[in-house]
């Protein structure tokens, strides 16, 4: 449980840290919203 949860969870967490960093660097609000909208479904399912 720990190995599966921690290892796969770390992949998800690290991926979203980089994703969030990339989204925050997008200048336009519309661009940030469009980029984040591609992840919301997956983030909801993961949670």
ModelCIF file with pLDDT and N, C-alpha, C, O atoms, coordinates in Angstrom:
data_MODEL
#
_entry.id   MODEL 
#
_entity.id                         1 
_entity.type                       polymer 
_entity.pdbx_number_of_molecules   1 
#
_entity_poly.entity_id                      1 
_entity_poly.type                           'polypeptide(L)' 
_entity_poly.nstd_linkage                   no 
_entity_poly.nstd_monomer                   no 
_entity_poly.pdbx_seq_one_letter_code       
;(UNK)(UNK)(UNK)(UNK)(UNK)(UNK)(UNK)(UNK)(UNK)(UNK)(UNK)(UNK)(UNK)(UNK)(UNK)(UNK)
(UNK)(UNK)(UNK)(UNK)(UNK)(UNK)(UNK)(UNK)(UNK)(UNK)(UNK)(UNK)(UNK)(UNK)(UNK)(UNK)
(UNK)(UNK)(UNK)(UNK)(UNK)(UNK)(UNK)(UNK)(UNK)(UNK)(UNK)(UNK)(UNK)(UNK)(UNK)
;
_entity_poly.pdbx_seq_one_letter_code_can   XXXXXXXXXXXXXXXXXXXXXXXXXXXXXXXXXXXXXXXXXXXXXXX 
_entity_poly.pdbx_strand_id                 A 
#
loop_
_entity_poly_seq.entity_id 
_entity_poly_seq.num 
_entity_poly_seq.mon_id 
_entity_poly_seq.hetero 
1 1  UNK n 
1 2  UNK n 
1 3  UNK n 
1 4  UNK n 
1 5  UNK n 
1 6  UNK n 
1 7  UNK n 
1 8  UNK n 
1 9  UNK n 
1 10 UNK n 
1 11 UNK n 
1 12 UNK n 
1 13 UNK n 
1 14 UNK n 
1 15 UNK n 
1 16 UNK n 
1 17 UNK n 
1 18 UNK n 
1 19 UNK n 
1 20 UNK n 
1 21 UNK n 
1 22 UNK n 
1 23 UNK n 
1 24 UNK n 
1 25 UNK n 
1 26 UNK n 
1 27 UNK n 
1 28 UNK n 
1 29 UNK n 
1 30 UNK n 
1 31 UNK n 
1 32 UNK n 
1 33 UNK n 
1 34 UNK n 
1 35 UNK n 
1 36 UNK n 
1 37 UNK n 
1 38 UNK n 
1 39 UNK n 
1 40 UNK n 
1 41 UNK n 
1 42 UNK n 
1 43 UNK n 
1 44 UNK n 
1 45 UNK n 
1 46 UNK n 
1 47 UNK n 
#
_struct_asym.id          A 
_struct_asym.entity_id   1 
#
loop_
_ma_qa_metric.id 
_ma_qa_metric.mode 
_ma_qa_metric.name 
_ma_qa_metric.software_group_id 
_ma_qa_metric.type 
1 global pLDDT . pLDDT 
2 local  pLDDT . pLDDT 
#
_ma_qa_metric_global.metric_id      1 
_ma_qa_metric_global.metric_value   82.45 
_ma_qa_metric_global.model_id       1 
_ma_qa_metric_global.ordinal_id     1 
#
loop_
_ma_qa_metric_local.label_asym_id 
_ma_qa_metric_local.label_comp_id 
_ma_qa_metric_local.label_seq_id 
_ma_qa_metric_local.metric_id 
_ma_qa_metric_local.metric_value 
_ma_qa_metric_local.model_id 
_ma_qa_metric_local.ordinal_id 
A UNK 1  2 76.00 1 1  
A UNK 2  2 79.00 1 2  
A UNK 3  2 83.00 1 3  
A UNK 4  2 82.00 1 4  
A UNK 5  2 78.00 1 5  
A UNK 6  2 82.00 1 6  
A UNK 7  2 86.00 1 7  
A UNK 8  2 88.00 1 8  
A UNK 9  2 85.00 1 9  
A UNK 10 2 89.00 1 10 
A UNK 11 2 91.00 1 11 
A UNK 12 2 90.00 1 12 
A UNK 13 2 89.00 1 13 
A UNK 14 2 92.00 1 14 
A UNK 15 2 91.00 1 15 
A UNK 16 2 89.00 1 16 
A UNK 17 2 91.00 1 17 
A UNK 18 2 91.00 1 18 
A UNK 19 2 88.00 1 19 
A UNK 20 2 87.00 1 20 
A UNK 21 2 88.00 1 21 
A UNK 22 2 86.00 1 22 
A UNK 23 2 85.00 1 23 
A UNK 24 2 84.00 1 24 
A UNK 25 2 84.00 1 25 
A UNK 26 2 80.00 1 26 
A UNK 27 2 80.00 1 27 
A UNK 28 2 80.00 1 28 
A UNK 29 2 78.00 1 29 
A UNK 30 2 78.00 1 30 
A UNK 31 2 76.00 1 31 
A UNK 32 2 77.00 1 32 
A UNK 33 2 78.00 1 33 
A UNK 34 2 76.00 1 34 
A UNK 35 2 75.00 1 35 
A UNK 36 2 76.00 1 36 
A UNK 37 2 75.00 1 37 
A UNK 38 2 73.00 1 38 
A UNK 39 2 78.00 1 39 
A UNK 40 2 78.00 1 40 
A UNK 41 2 78.00 1 41 
A UNK 42 2 80.00 1 42 
A UNK 43 2 81.00 1 43 
A UNK 44 2 80.00 1 44 
A UNK 45 2 81.00 1 45 
A UNK 46 2 82.00 1 46 
A UNK 47 2 81.00 1 47 
#
loop_
_atom_site.group_PDB 
_atom_site.id 
_atom_site.type_symbol 
_atom_site.label_atom_id 
_atom_site.label_alt_id 
_atom_site.label_comp_id 
_atom_site.label_asym_id 
_atom_site.label_entity_id 
_atom_site.label_seq_id 
_atom_site.pdbx_PDB_ins_code 
_atom_site.Cartn_x 
_atom_site.Cartn_y 
_atom_site.Cartn_z 
_atom_site.occupancy 
_atom_site.B_iso_or_equiv 
_atom_site.pdbx_formal_charge 
_atom_site.auth_seq_id 
_atom_site.auth_comp_id 
_atom_site.auth_asym_id 
_atom_site.auth_atom_id 
_atom_site.pdbx_PDB_model_num 
ATOM 1   N N  . UNK A 1 1  ? 0.828   -1.210 0.000   1.00 76.00 ? 1  UNK A N  1 
ATOM 2   C CA . UNK A 1 1  ? 0.000   0.000  0.000   1.00 76.00 ? 1  UNK A CA 1 
ATOM 3   C C  . UNK A 1 1  ? 0.859   1.255  0.000   1.00 76.00 ? 1  UNK A C  1 
ATOM 4   O O  . UNK A 1 1  ? 0.617   2.190  -0.764  1.00 76.00 ? 1  UNK A O  1 
ATOM 5   N N  . UNK A 1 2  ? 1.877   1.263  0.877   1.00 79.00 ? 2  UNK A N  1 
ATOM 6   C CA . UNK A 1 2  ? 2.765   2.431  0.939   1.00 79.00 ? 2  UNK A CA 1 
ATOM 7   C C  . UNK A 1 2  ? 3.568   2.587  -0.346  1.00 79.00 ? 2  UNK A C  1 
ATOM 8   O O  . UNK A 1 2  ? 3.661   3.684  -0.898  1.00 79.00 ? 2  UNK A O  1 
ATOM 9   N N  . UNK A 1 3  ? 4.157   1.472  -0.828  1.00 83.00 ? 3  UNK A N  1 
ATOM 10  C CA . UNK A 1 3  ? 4.989   1.560  -2.036  1.00 83.00 ? 3  UNK A CA 1 
ATOM 11  C C  . UNK A 1 3  ? 4.168   1.999  -3.239  1.00 83.00 ? 3  UNK A C  1 
ATOM 12  O O  . UNK A 1 3  ? 4.586   2.866  -4.007  1.00 83.00 ? 3  UNK A O  1 
ATOM 13  N N  . UNK A 1 4  ? 2.994   1.391  -3.396  1.00 82.00 ? 4  UNK A N  1 
ATOM 14  C CA . UNK A 1 4  ? 2.132   1.745  -4.522  1.00 82.00 ? 4  UNK A CA 1 
ATOM 15  C C  . UNK A 1 4  ? 1.647   3.182  -4.407  1.00 82.00 ? 4  UNK A C  1 
ATOM 16  O O  . UNK A 1 4  ? 1.732   3.964  -5.354  1.00 82.00 ? 4  UNK A O  1 
ATOM 17  N N  . UNK A 1 5  ? 1.130   3.514  -3.211  1.00 78.00 ? 5  UNK A N  1 
ATOM 18  C CA . UNK A 1 5  ? 0.600   4.856  -3.014  1.00 78.00 ? 5  UNK A CA 1 
ATOM 19  C C  . UNK A 1 5  ? 1.663   5.930  -3.104  1.00 78.00 ? 5  UNK A C  1 
ATOM 20  O O  . UNK A 1 5  ? 1.464   6.960  -3.748  1.00 78.00 ? 5  UNK A O  1 
ATOM 21  N N  . UNK A 1 6  ? 2.818   5.684  -2.443  1.00 82.00 ? 6  UNK A N  1 
ATOM 22  C CA . UNK A 1 6  ? 3.875   6.697  -2.416  1.00 82.00 ? 6  UNK A CA 1 
ATOM 23  C C  . UNK A 1 6  ? 4.521   6.849  -3.785  1.00 82.00 ? 6  UNK A C  1 
ATOM 24  O O  . UNK A 1 6  ? 4.700   7.970  -4.262  1.00 82.00 ? 6  UNK A O  1 
ATOM 25  N N  . UNK A 1 7  ? 4.876   5.731  -4.427  1.00 86.00 ? 7  UNK A N  1 
ATOM 26  C CA . UNK A 1 7  ? 5.586   5.810  -5.712  1.00 86.00 ? 7  UNK A CA 1 
ATOM 27  C C  . UNK A 1 7  ? 4.712   6.431  -6.793  1.00 86.00 ? 7  UNK A C  1 
ATOM 28  O O  . UNK A 1 7  ? 5.114   7.386  -7.459  1.00 86.00 ? 7  UNK A O  1 
ATOM 29  N N  . UNK A 1 8  ? 3.503   5.876  -6.961  1.00 88.00 ? 8  UNK A N  1 
ATOM 30  C CA . UNK A 1 8  ? 2.619   6.437  -7.995  1.00 88.00 ? 8  UNK A CA 1 
ATOM 31  C C  . UNK A 1 8  ? 2.154   7.837  -7.602  1.00 88.00 ? 8  UNK A C  1 
ATOM 32  O O  . UNK A 1 8  ? 1.984   8.705  -8.458  1.00 88.00 ? 8  UNK A O  1 
ATOM 33  N N  . UNK A 1 9  ? 1.947   8.051  -6.292  1.00 85.00 ? 9  UNK A N  1 
ATOM 34  C CA . UNK A 1 9  ? 1.533   9.375  -5.820  1.00 85.00 ? 9  UNK A CA 1 
ATOM 35  C C  . UNK A 1 9  ? 2.603   10.425 -6.046  1.00 85.00 ? 9  UNK A C  1 
ATOM 36  O O  . UNK A 1 9  ? 2.291   11.570 -6.375  1.00 85.00 ? 9  UNK A O  1 
ATOM 37  N N  . UNK A 1 10 ? 3.875   10.043 -5.871  1.00 89.00 ? 10 UNK A N  1 
ATOM 38  C CA . UNK A 1 10 ? 4.974   10.975 -6.126  1.00 89.00 ? 10 UNK A CA 1 
ATOM 39  C C  . UNK A 1 10 ? 5.040   11.370 -7.600  1.00 89.00 ? 10 UNK A C  1 
ATOM 40  O O  . UNK A 1 10 ? 5.307   12.525 -7.933  1.00 89.00 ? 10 UNK A O  1 
ATOM 41  N N  . UNK A 1 11 ? 4.794   10.396 -8.477  1.00 91.00 ? 11 UNK A N  1 
ATOM 42  C CA . UNK A 1 11 ? 4.783   10.705 -9.908  1.00 91.00 ? 11 UNK A CA 1 
ATOM 43  C C  . UNK A 1 11 ? 3.706   11.739 -10.210 1.00 91.00 ? 11 UNK A C  1 
ATOM 44  O O  . UNK A 1 11 ? 3.934   12.695 -10.951 1.00 91.00 ? 11 UNK A O  1 
ATOM 45  N N  . UNK A 1 12 ? 2.529   11.531 -9.625  1.00 90.00 ? 12 UNK A N  1 
ATOM 46  C CA . UNK A 1 12 ? 1.426   12.489 -9.824  1.00 90.00 ? 12 UNK A CA 1 
ATOM 47  C C  . UNK A 1 12 ? 1.784   13.850 -9.239  1.00 90.00 ? 12 UNK A C  1 
ATOM 48  O O  . UNK A 1 12 ? 1.595   14.880 -9.888  1.00 90.00 ? 12 UNK A O  1 
ATOM 49  N N  . UNK A 1 13 ? 2.301   13.851 -8.010  1.00 89.00 ? 13 UNK A N  1 
ATOM 50  C CA . UNK A 1 13 ? 2.619   15.110 -7.322  1.00 89.00 ? 13 UNK A CA 1 
ATOM 51  C C  . UNK A 1 13 ? 3.695   15.898 -8.057  1.00 89.00 ? 13 UNK A C  1 
ATOM 52  O O  . UNK A 1 13 ? 3.538   17.094 -8.304  1.00 89.00 ? 13 UNK A O  1 
ATOM 53  N N  . UNK A 1 14 ? 4.786   15.223 -8.406  1.00 92.00 ? 14 UNK A N  1 
ATOM 54  C CA . UNK A 1 14 ? 5.891   15.904 -9.101  1.00 92.00 ? 14 UNK A CA 1 
ATOM 55  C C  . UNK A 1 14 ? 5.424   16.428 -10.460 1.00 92.00 ? 14 UNK A C  1 
ATOM 56  O O  . UNK A 1 14 ? 5.781   17.535 -10.863 1.00 92.00 ? 14 UNK A O  1 
ATOM 57  N N  . UNK A 1 15 ? 4.627   15.625 -11.158 1.00 91.00 ? 15 UNK A N  1 
ATOM 58  C CA . UNK A 1 15 ? 4.109   16.053 -12.464 1.00 91.00 ? 15 UNK A CA 1 
ATOM 59  C C  . UNK A 1 15 ? 3.298   17.331 -12.325 1.00 91.00 ? 15 UNK A C  1 
ATOM 60  O O  . UNK A 1 15 ? 3.432   18.251 -13.132 1.00 91.00 ? 15 UNK A O  1 
ATOM 61  N N  . UNK A 1 16 ? 2.453   17.386 -11.298 1.00 89.00 ? 16 UNK A N  1 
ATOM 62  C CA . UNK A 1 16 ? 1.592   18.555 -11.141 1.00 89.00 ? 16 UNK A CA 1 
ATOM 63  C C  . UNK A 1 16 ? 2.335   19.765 -10.584 1.00 89.00 ? 16 UNK A C  1 
ATOM 64  O O  . UNK A 1 16 ? 1.905   20.898 -10.802 1.00 89.00 ? 16 UNK A O  1 
ATOM 65  N N  . UNK A 1 17 ? 3.430   19.553 -9.878  1.00 91.00 ? 17 UNK A N  1 
ATOM 66  C CA . UNK A 1 17 ? 4.276   20.686 -9.462  1.00 91.00 ? 17 UNK A CA 1 
ATOM 67  C C  . UNK A 1 17 ? 4.853   21.366 -10.694 1.00 91.00 ? 17 UNK A C  1 
ATOM 68  O O  . UNK A 1 17 ? 4.829   22.592 -10.801 1.00 91.00 ? 17 UNK A O  1 
ATOM 69  N N  . UNK A 1 18 ? 5.373   20.570 -11.623 1.00 91.00 ? 18 UNK A N  1 
ATOM 70  C CA . UNK A 1 18 ? 5.912   21.128 -12.859 1.00 91.00 ? 18 UNK A CA 1 
ATOM 71  C C  . UNK A 1 18 ? 4.809   21.740 -13.723 1.00 91.00 ? 18 UNK A C  1 
ATOM 72  O O  . UNK A 1 18 ? 5.006   22.785 -14.342 1.00 91.00 ? 18 UNK A O  1 
ATOM 73  N N  . UNK A 1 19 ? 3.651   21.083 -13.759 1.00 88.00 ? 19 UNK A N  1 
ATOM 74  C CA . UNK A 1 19 ? 2.515   21.601 -14.537 1.00 88.00 ? 19 UNK A CA 1 
ATOM 75  C C  . UNK A 1 19 ? 2.072   22.964 -13.993 1.00 88.00 ? 19 UNK A C  1 
ATOM 76  O O  . UNK A 1 19 ? 1.864   23.910 -14.752 1.00 88.00 ? 19 UNK A O  1 
ATOM 77  N N  . UNK A 1 20 ? 1.933   23.046 -12.665 1.00 87.00 ? 20 UNK A N  1 
ATOM 78  C CA . UNK A 1 20 ? 1.515   24.309 -12.050 1.00 87.00 ? 20 UNK A CA 1 
ATOM 79  C C  . UNK A 1 20 ? 2.529   25.414 -12.321 1.00 87.00 ? 20 UNK A C  1 
ATOM 80  O O  . UNK A 1 20 ? 2.155   26.553 -12.600 1.00 87.00 ? 20 UNK A O  1 
ATOM 81  N N  . UNK A 1 21 ? 3.808   25.073 -12.238 1.00 88.00 ? 21 UNK A N  1 
ATOM 82  C CA . UNK A 1 21 ? 4.861   26.049 -12.521 1.00 88.00 ? 21 UNK A CA 1 
ATOM 83  C C  . UNK A 1 21 ? 4.792   26.542 -13.962 1.00 88.00 ? 21 UNK A C  1 
ATOM 84  O O  . UNK A 1 21 ? 4.972   27.730 -14.230 1.00 88.00 ? 21 UNK A O  1 
ATOM 85  N N  . UNK A 1 22 ? 4.527   25.613 -14.894 1.00 86.00 ? 22 UNK A N  1 
ATOM 86  C CA . UNK A 1 22 ? 4.427   25.991 -16.306 1.00 86.00 ? 22 UNK A CA 1 
ATOM 87  C C  . UNK A 1 22 ? 3.185   26.848 -16.561 1.00 86.00 ? 22 UNK A C  1 
ATOM 88  O O  . UNK A 1 22 ? 3.236   27.799 -17.341 1.00 86.00 ? 22 UNK A O  1 
ATOM 89  N N  . UNK A 1 23 ? 2.082   26.516 -15.913 1.00 85.00 ? 23 UNK A N  1 
ATOM 90  C CA . UNK A 1 23 ? 0.841   27.283 -16.089 1.00 85.00 ? 23 UNK A CA 1 
ATOM 91  C C  . UNK A 1 23 ? 0.999   28.714 -15.564 1.00 85.00 ? 23 UNK A C  1 
ATOM 92  O O  . UNK A 1 23 ? 0.531   29.665 -16.191 1.00 85.00 ? 23 UNK A O  1 
ATOM 93  N N  . UNK A 1 24 ? 1.660   28.858 -14.413 1.00 84.00 ? 24 UNK A N  1 
ATOM 94  C CA . UNK A 1 24 ? 1.846   30.182 -13.823 1.00 84.00 ? 24 UNK A CA 1 
ATOM 95  C C  . UNK A 1 24 ? 2.745   31.075 -14.674 1.00 84.00 ? 24 UNK A C  1 
ATOM 96  O O  . UNK A 1 24 ? 2.712   32.299 -14.544 1.00 84.00 ? 24 UNK A O  1 
ATOM 97  N N  . UNK A 1 25 ? 3.550   30.462 -15.544 1.00 84.00 ? 25 UNK A N  1 
ATOM 98  C CA . UNK A 1 25 ? 4.429   31.254 -16.421 1.00 84.00 ? 25 UNK A CA 1 
ATOM 99  C C  . UNK A 1 25 ? 3.710   31.746 -17.677 1.00 84.00 ? 25 UNK A C  1 
ATOM 100 O O  . UNK A 1 25 ? 4.226   32.589 -18.412 1.00 84.00 ? 25 UNK A O  1 
ATOM 101 N N  . UNK A 1 26 ? 2.513   31.208 -17.912 1.00 80.00 ? 26 UNK A N  1 
ATOM 102 C CA . UNK A 1 26 ? 1.729   31.674 -19.054 1.00 80.00 ? 26 UNK A CA 1 
ATOM 103 C C  . UNK A 1 26 ? 1.199   33.073 -18.758 1.00 80.00 ? 26 UNK A C  1 
ATOM 104 O O  . UNK A 1 26 ? 0.622   33.309 -17.697 1.00 80.00 ? 26 UNK A O  1 
ATOM 105 N N  . UNK A 1 27 ? 1.392   33.985 -19.678 1.00 80.00 ? 27 UNK A N  1 
ATOM 106 C CA . UNK A 1 27 ? 1.079   35.396 -19.406 1.00 80.00 ? 27 UNK A CA 1 
ATOM 107 C C  . UNK A 1 27 ? -0.424  35.681 -19.396 1.00 80.00 ? 27 UNK A C  1 
ATOM 108 O O  . UNK A 1 27 ? -0.907  36.396 -18.517 1.00 80.00 ? 27 UNK A O  1 
ATOM 109 N N  . UNK A 1 28 ? -1.160  35.140 -20.347 1.00 80.00 ? 28 UNK A N  1 
ATOM 110 C CA . UNK A 1 28 ? -2.583  35.472 -20.439 1.00 80.00 ? 28 UNK A CA 1 
ATOM 111 C C  . UNK A 1 28 ? -3.414  34.595 -19.502 1.00 80.00 ? 28 UNK A C  1 
ATOM 112 O O  . UNK A 1 28 ? -3.141  33.409 -19.316 1.00 80.00 ? 28 UNK A O  1 
ATOM 113 N N  . UNK A 1 29 ? -4.436  35.223 -18.920 1.00 78.00 ? 29 UNK A N  1 
ATOM 114 C CA . UNK A 1 29 ? -5.342  34.472 -18.038 1.00 78.00 ? 29 UNK A CA 1 
ATOM 115 C C  . UNK A 1 29 ? -6.085  33.393 -18.812 1.00 78.00 ? 29 UNK A C  1 
ATOM 116 O O  . UNK A 1 29 ? -6.329  32.304 -18.292 1.00 78.00 ? 29 UNK A O  1 
ATOM 117 N N  . UNK A 1 30 ? -6.445  33.699 -20.057 1.00 78.00 ? 30 UNK A N  1 
ATOM 118 C CA . UNK A 1 30 ? -7.152  32.727 -20.886 1.00 78.00 ? 30 UNK A CA 1 
ATOM 119 C C  . UNK A 1 30 ? -6.275  31.509 -21.170 1.00 78.00 ? 30 UNK A C  1 
ATOM 120 O O  . UNK A 1 30 ? -6.750  30.374 -21.161 1.00 78.00 ? 30 UNK A O  1 
ATOM 121 N N  . UNK A 1 31 ? -4.993  31.760 -21.422 1.00 76.00 ? 31 UNK A N  1 
ATOM 122 C CA . UNK A 1 31 ? -4.064  30.662 -21.678 1.00 76.00 ? 31 UNK A CA 1 
ATOM 123 C C  . UNK A 1 31 ? -3.879  29.786 -20.452 1.00 76.00 ? 31 UNK A C  1 
ATOM 124 O O  . UNK A 1 31 ? -3.832  28.560 -20.555 1.00 76.00 ? 31 UNK A O  1 
ATOM 125 N N  . UNK A 1 32 ? -3.774  30.428 -19.276 1.00 77.00 ? 32 UNK A N  1 
ATOM 126 C CA . UNK A 1 32 ? -3.634  29.650 -18.030 1.00 77.00 ? 32 UNK A CA 1 
ATOM 127 C C  . UNK A 1 32 ? -4.867  28.793 -17.778 1.00 77.00 ? 32 UNK A C  1 
ATOM 128 O O  . UNK A 1 32 ? -4.762  27.636 -17.374 1.00 77.00 ? 32 UNK A O  1 
ATOM 129 N N  . UNK A 1 33 ? -6.042  29.380 -18.024 1.00 78.00 ? 33 UNK A N  1 
ATOM 130 C CA . UNK A 1 33 ? -7.288  28.648 -17.807 1.00 78.00 ? 33 UNK A CA 1 
ATOM 131 C C  . UNK A 1 33 ? -7.400  27.464 -18.767 1.00 78.00 ? 33 UNK A C  1 
ATOM 132 O O  . UNK A 1 33 ? -7.824  26.378 -18.373 1.00 78.00 ? 33 UNK A O  1 
ATOM 133 N N  . UNK A 1 34 ? -7.017  27.680 -20.037 1.00 76.00 ? 34 UNK A N  1 
ATOM 134 C CA . UNK A 1 34 ? -7.093  26.609 -21.018 1.00 76.00 ? 34 UNK A CA 1 
ATOM 135 C C  . UNK A 1 34 ? -6.141  25.470 -20.669 1.00 76.00 ? 34 UNK A C  1 
ATOM 136 O O  . UNK A 1 34 ? -6.493  24.297 -20.788 1.00 76.00 ? 34 UNK A O  1 
ATOM 137 N N  . UNK A 1 35 ? -4.933  25.826 -20.236 1.00 75.00 ? 35 UNK A N  1 
ATOM 138 C CA . UNK A 1 35 ? -3.957  24.796 -19.869 1.00 75.00 ? 35 UNK A CA 1 
ATOM 139 C C  . UNK A 1 35 ? -4.413  24.009 -18.650 1.00 75.00 ? 35 UNK A C  1 
ATOM 140 O O  . UNK A 1 35 ? -4.305  22.783 -18.615 1.00 75.00 ? 35 UNK A O  1 
ATOM 141 N N  . UNK A 1 36 ? -4.928  24.726 -17.644 1.00 76.00 ? 36 UNK A N  1 
ATOM 142 C CA . UNK A 1 36 ? -5.359  24.049 -16.417 1.00 76.00 ? 36 UNK A CA 1 
ATOM 143 C C  . UNK A 1 36 ? -6.594  23.190 -16.650 1.00 76.00 ? 36 UNK A C  1 
ATOM 144 O O  . UNK A 1 36 ? -6.774  22.164 -15.994 1.00 76.00 ? 36 UNK A O  1 
ATOM 145 N N  . UNK A 1 37 ? -7.447  23.607 -17.585 1.00 75.00 ? 37 UNK A N  1 
ATOM 146 C CA . UNK A 1 37 ? -8.686  22.854 -17.850 1.00 75.00 ? 37 UNK A CA 1 
ATOM 147 C C  . UNK A 1 37 ? -8.405  21.467 -18.394 1.00 75.00 ? 37 UNK A C  1 
ATOM 148 O O  . UNK A 1 37 ? -9.234  20.567 -18.254 1.00 75.00 ? 37 UNK A O  1 
ATOM 149 N N  . UNK A 1 38 ? -7.234  21.279 -19.021 1.00 73.00 ? 38 UNK A N  1 
ATOM 150 C CA . UNK A 1 38 ? -6.888  19.949 -19.546 1.00 73.00 ? 38 UNK A CA 1 
ATOM 151 C C  . UNK A 1 38 ? -6.513  18.979 -18.425 1.00 73.00 ? 38 UNK A C  1 
ATOM 152 O O  . UNK A 1 38 ? -6.430  17.771 -18.647 1.00 73.00 ? 38 UNK A O  1 
ATOM 153 N N  . UNK A 1 39 ? -6.284  19.515 -17.216 1.00 78.00 ? 39 UNK A N  1 
ATOM 154 C CA . UNK A 1 39 ? -5.846  18.670 -16.092 1.00 78.00 ? 39 UNK A CA 1 
ATOM 155 C C  . UNK A 1 39 ? -6.913  18.467 -15.032 1.00 78.00 ? 39 UNK A C  1 
ATOM 156 O O  . UNK A 1 39 ? -6.792  17.562 -14.207 1.00 78.00 ? 39 UNK A O  1 
ATOM 157 N N  . UNK A 1 40 ? -7.957  19.289 -15.035 1.00 78.00 ? 40 UNK A N  1 
ATOM 158 C CA . UNK A 1 40 ? -8.922  19.247 -13.930 1.00 78.00 ? 40 UNK A CA 1 
ATOM 159 C C  . UNK A 1 40 ? -9.632  17.901 -13.812 1.00 78.00 ? 40 UNK A C  1 
ATOM 160 O O  . UNK A 1 40 ? -9.871  17.421 -12.704 1.00 78.00 ? 40 UNK A O  1 
ATOM 161 N N  . UNK A 1 41 ? -9.968  17.294 -14.941 1.00 78.00 ? 41 UNK A N  1 
ATOM 162 C CA . UNK A 1 41 ? -10.659 15.998 -14.895 1.00 78.00 ? 41 UNK A CA 1 
ATOM 163 C C  . UNK A 1 41 ? -9.777  14.942 -14.250 1.00 78.00 ? 41 UNK A C  1 
ATOM 164 O O  . UNK A 1 41 ? -10.221 14.197 -13.377 1.00 78.00 ? 41 UNK A O  1 
ATOM 165 N N  . UNK A 1 42 ? -8.519  14.883 -14.690 1.00 80.00 ? 42 UNK A N  1 
ATOM 166 C CA . UNK A 1 42 ? -7.591  13.902 -14.138 1.00 80.00 ? 42 UNK A CA 1 
ATOM 167 C C  . UNK A 1 42 ? -7.324  14.168 -12.668 1.00 80.00 ? 42 UNK A C  1 
ATOM 168 O O  . UNK A 1 42 ? -7.266  13.234 -11.869 1.00 80.00 ? 42 UNK A O  1 
ATOM 169 N N  . UNK A 1 43 ? -7.160  15.430 -12.303 1.00 81.00 ? 43 UNK A N  1 
ATOM 170 C CA . UNK A 1 43 ? -6.886  15.794 -10.912 1.00 81.00 ? 43 UNK A CA 1 
ATOM 171 C C  . UNK A 1 43 ? -8.064  15.408 -10.014 1.00 81.00 ? 43 UNK A C  1 
ATOM 172 O O  . UNK A 1 43 ? -7.863  14.946 -8.891  1.00 81.00 ? 43 UNK A O  1 
ATOM 173 N N  . UNK A 1 44 ? -9.271  15.594 -10.498 1.00 80.00 ? 44 UNK A N  1 
ATOM 174 C CA . UNK A 1 44 ? -10.466 15.193 -9.741  1.00 80.00 ? 44 UNK A CA 1 
ATOM 175 C C  . UNK A 1 44 ? -10.506 13.684 -9.535  1.00 80.00 ? 44 UNK A C  1 
ATOM 176 O O  . UNK A 1 44 ? -10.777 13.212 -8.430  1.00 80.00 ? 44 UNK A O  1 
ATOM 177 N N  . UNK A 1 45 ? -10.239 12.927 -10.596 1.00 81.00 ? 45 UNK A N  1 
ATOM 178 C CA . UNK A 1 45 ? -10.249 11.465 -10.505 1.00 81.00 ? 45 UNK A CA 1 
ATOM 179 C C  . UNK A 1 45 ? -9.171  10.959 -9.555  1.00 81.00 ? 45 UNK A C  1 
ATOM 180 O O  . UNK A 1 45 ? -9.412  10.035 -8.778  1.00 81.00 ? 45 UNK A O  1 
ATOM 181 N N  . UNK A 1 46 ? -7.986  11.556 -9.612  1.00 82.00 ? 46 UNK A N  1 
ATOM 182 C CA . UNK A 1 46 ? -6.877  11.166 -8.737  1.00 82.00 ? 46 UNK A CA 1 
ATOM 183 C C  . UNK A 1 46 ? -7.223  11.420 -7.273  1.00 82.00 ? 46 UNK A C  1 
ATOM 184 O O  . UNK A 1 46 ? -6.985  10.567 -6.418  1.00 82.00 ? 46 UNK A O  1 
ATOM 185 N N  . UNK A 1 47 ? -7.779  12.581 -6.988  1.00 81.00 ? 47 UNK A N  1 
ATOM 186 C CA . UNK A 1 47 ? -8.125  12.944 -5.611  1.00 81.00 ? 47 UNK A CA 1 
ATOM 187 C C  . UNK A 1 47 ? -9.135  11.964 -5.021  1.00 81.00 ? 47 UNK A C  1 
ATOM 188 O O  . UNK A 1 47 ? -9.541  12.115 -3.869  1.00 81.00 ? 47 UNK A O  1 
#
